């Protein structure tokens, strides 16, 4: 299973090329994609979203949030901010959901490298 971030899924839907898009395509075909809930919300918020894309996002399983998730996400974000690194709230929520389940994250957002360095977030490809 892989988790996919908004940046990578948006690139994939726009027809971009790259190892991340290849991995998303393969994983969608095998049913191995899950979305962190925040990513689903971000994707469904796109003003020009097609009905087909919205249907895809709604059909994908969401990463379940575990007990204590919100407190852990806050602590994770604080740890990143203490190092002087950029830590958007949405990114912290995505990272914590993936960390809780040991899910690797496919993303084009370089800010997630902070979570990989400071925590146990695995990034692909």
Protein backbone atom coordinates (compact mmCIF):
# COMPACT_ATOMS: atom_id res chain seq x y z
CA UNK A 1 0.00 0.00 0.00
CA UNK A 2 1.06 3.57 -0.69
CA UNK A 3 -0.36 6.90 0.38
CA UNK A 4 -0.51 9.64 -2.22
CA UNK A 5 -0.21 13.36 -1.53
CA UNK A 6 -2.13 16.11 -3.31
CA UNK A 7 0.89 17.28 -5.29
CA UNK A 8 1.60 13.85 -6.78
CA UNK A 9 -2.04 13.00 -7.47
CA UNK A 10 -2.61 16.36 -9.14
CA UNK A 11 0.47 15.85 -11.33
CA UNK A 12 -0.70 12.35 -12.22
CA UNK A 13 -4.15 13.59 -13.25
CA UNK A 14 -2.60 16.40 -15.29
CA UNK A 15 -0.70 13.81 -17.32
CA UNK A 16 2.73 14.54 -15.88
CA UNK A 17 5.45 11.99 -16.29
CA UNK A 18 7.84 10.60 -13.73
CA UNK A 19 8.53 7.73 -11.39
CA UNK A 20 5.89 9.02 -8.99
CA UNK A 21 3.18 9.03 -11.66
CA UNK A 22 4.20 5.56 -12.85
CA UNK A 23 3.95 4.29 -9.28
CA UNK A 24 0.53 5.88 -8.80
CA UNK A 25 -0.73 4.35 -12.05
CA UNK A 26 0.53 0.88 -11.10
CA UNK A 27 -0.82 1.15 -7.57
CA UNK A 28 -4.25 2.36 -8.71
CA UNK A 29 -4.45 -0.65 -11.04
CA UNK A 30 -3.74 -3.04 -8.17
CA UNK A 31 -5.86 -1.26 -5.57
CA UNK A 32 -2.85 -0.31 -3.49
CA UNK A 33 -3.55 3.43 -3.07
CA UNK A 34 -4.93 5.05 0.06
CA UNK A 35 -5.47 8.73 0.73
CA UNK A 36 -4.84 10.52 3.99
CA UNK A 37 -8.15 12.25 4.83
CA UNK A 38 -6.59 15.71 4.46
CA UNK A 39 -5.44 14.84 0.95
CA UNK A 40 -8.94 13.71 0.00
CA UNK A 41 -10.28 17.05 1.24
CA UNK A 42 -7.63 19.01 -0.66
CA UNK A 43 -8.27 17.10 -3.88
CA UNK A 44 -12.05 17.48 -3.66
CA UNK A 45 -11.60 21.23 -3.04
CA UNK A 46 -10.23 21.91 -6.53
CA UNK A 47 -12.65 24.33 -8.20
CA UNK A 48 -12.22 22.81 -11.67
CA UNK A 49 -12.34 19.18 -10.55
CA UNK A 50 -14.01 16.89 -13.05
CA UNK A 51 -16.77 14.53 -11.98
CA UNK A 52 -14.56 11.61 -13.05
CA UNK A 53 -11.69 12.70 -10.81
CA UNK A 54 -14.05 13.37 -7.90
CA UNK A 55 -15.44 9.87 -8.30
CA UNK A 56 -11.94 8.40 -8.23
CA UNK A 57 -11.06 10.25 -5.03
CA UNK A 58 -14.29 9.26 -3.31
CA UNK A 59 -13.73 5.61 -4.26
CA UNK A 60 -10.23 5.41 -2.78
CA UNK A 61 -9.93 4.17 0.79
CA UNK A 62 -8.87 6.67 3.43
CA UNK A 63 -6.08 6.15 5.95
CA UNK A 64 -7.88 5.60 9.26
CA UNK A 65 -6.96 8.01 12.05
CA UNK A 66 -5.78 6.27 15.20
CA UNK A 67 -6.45 7.22 18.81
CA UNK A 68 -4.20 10.12 19.79
CA UNK A 69 -3.60 11.14 16.17
CA UNK A 70 -4.29 14.84 16.68
CA UNK A 71 -1.90 15.15 19.63
CA UNK A 72 0.83 13.22 17.79
CA UNK A 73 0.38 15.40 14.69
CA UNK A 74 0.73 18.53 16.83
CA UNK A 75 3.87 17.16 18.47
CA UNK A 76 5.30 16.22 15.10
CA UNK A 77 4.68 19.69 13.70
CA UNK A 78 6.23 21.27 16.81
CA UNK A 79 9.35 19.12 16.37
CA UNK A 80 9.72 20.30 12.78
CA UNK A 81 9.14 23.94 13.69
CA UNK A 82 11.69 23.74 16.54
CA UNK A 83 14.32 22.86 13.95
CA UNK A 84 13.41 26.02 12.02
CA UNK A 85 11.95 24.06 9.13
CA UNK A 86 8.76 24.76 7.21
CA UNK A 87 5.82 22.79 8.63
CA UNK A 88 2.42 23.52 7.16
CA UNK A 89 -0.45 22.12 9.20
CA UNK A 90 -1.83 20.04 6.32
CA UNK A 91 1.57 18.46 5.74
CA UNK A 92 1.88 17.53 9.41
CA UNK A 93 -1.55 15.86 9.29
CA UNK A 94 -0.65 13.90 6.15
CA UNK A 95 2.74 12.88 7.54
CA UNK A 96 1.32 11.70 10.87
CA UNK A 97 -1.36 9.57 9.22
CA UNK A 98 1.32 7.87 7.13
CA UNK A 99 3.72 7.45 10.05
CA UNK A 100 0.99 5.90 12.22
CA UNK A 101 0.44 3.15 9.64
CA UNK A 102 3.96 2.82 8.27
CA UNK A 103 2.73 3.90 4.84
CA UNK A 104 5.18 5.32 2.34
CA UNK A 105 4.09 8.64 0.83
CA UNK A 106 4.28 9.53 -2.84
CA UNK A 107 4.66 13.30 -3.12
CA UNK A 108 6.18 16.06 -5.19
CA UNK A 109 6.15 18.43 -2.22
CA UNK A 110 9.74 18.81 -1.03
CA UNK A 111 8.58 20.03 2.40
CA UNK A 112 7.87 16.42 3.36
CA UNK A 113 11.62 15.74 3.42
CA UNK A 114 11.62 17.46 6.84
CA UNK A 115 9.24 14.81 8.16
CA UNK A 116 11.42 12.09 6.67
CA UNK A 117 14.48 13.51 8.45
CA UNK A 118 12.83 14.24 11.79
CA UNK A 119 10.40 11.33 12.00
CA UNK A 120 9.81 7.95 10.42
CA UNK A 121 8.05 9.15 7.27
CA UNK A 122 9.03 7.08 4.24
CA UNK A 123 8.98 8.92 0.91
CA UNK A 124 8.62 7.35 -2.54
CA UNK A 125 9.99 7.08 -5.16
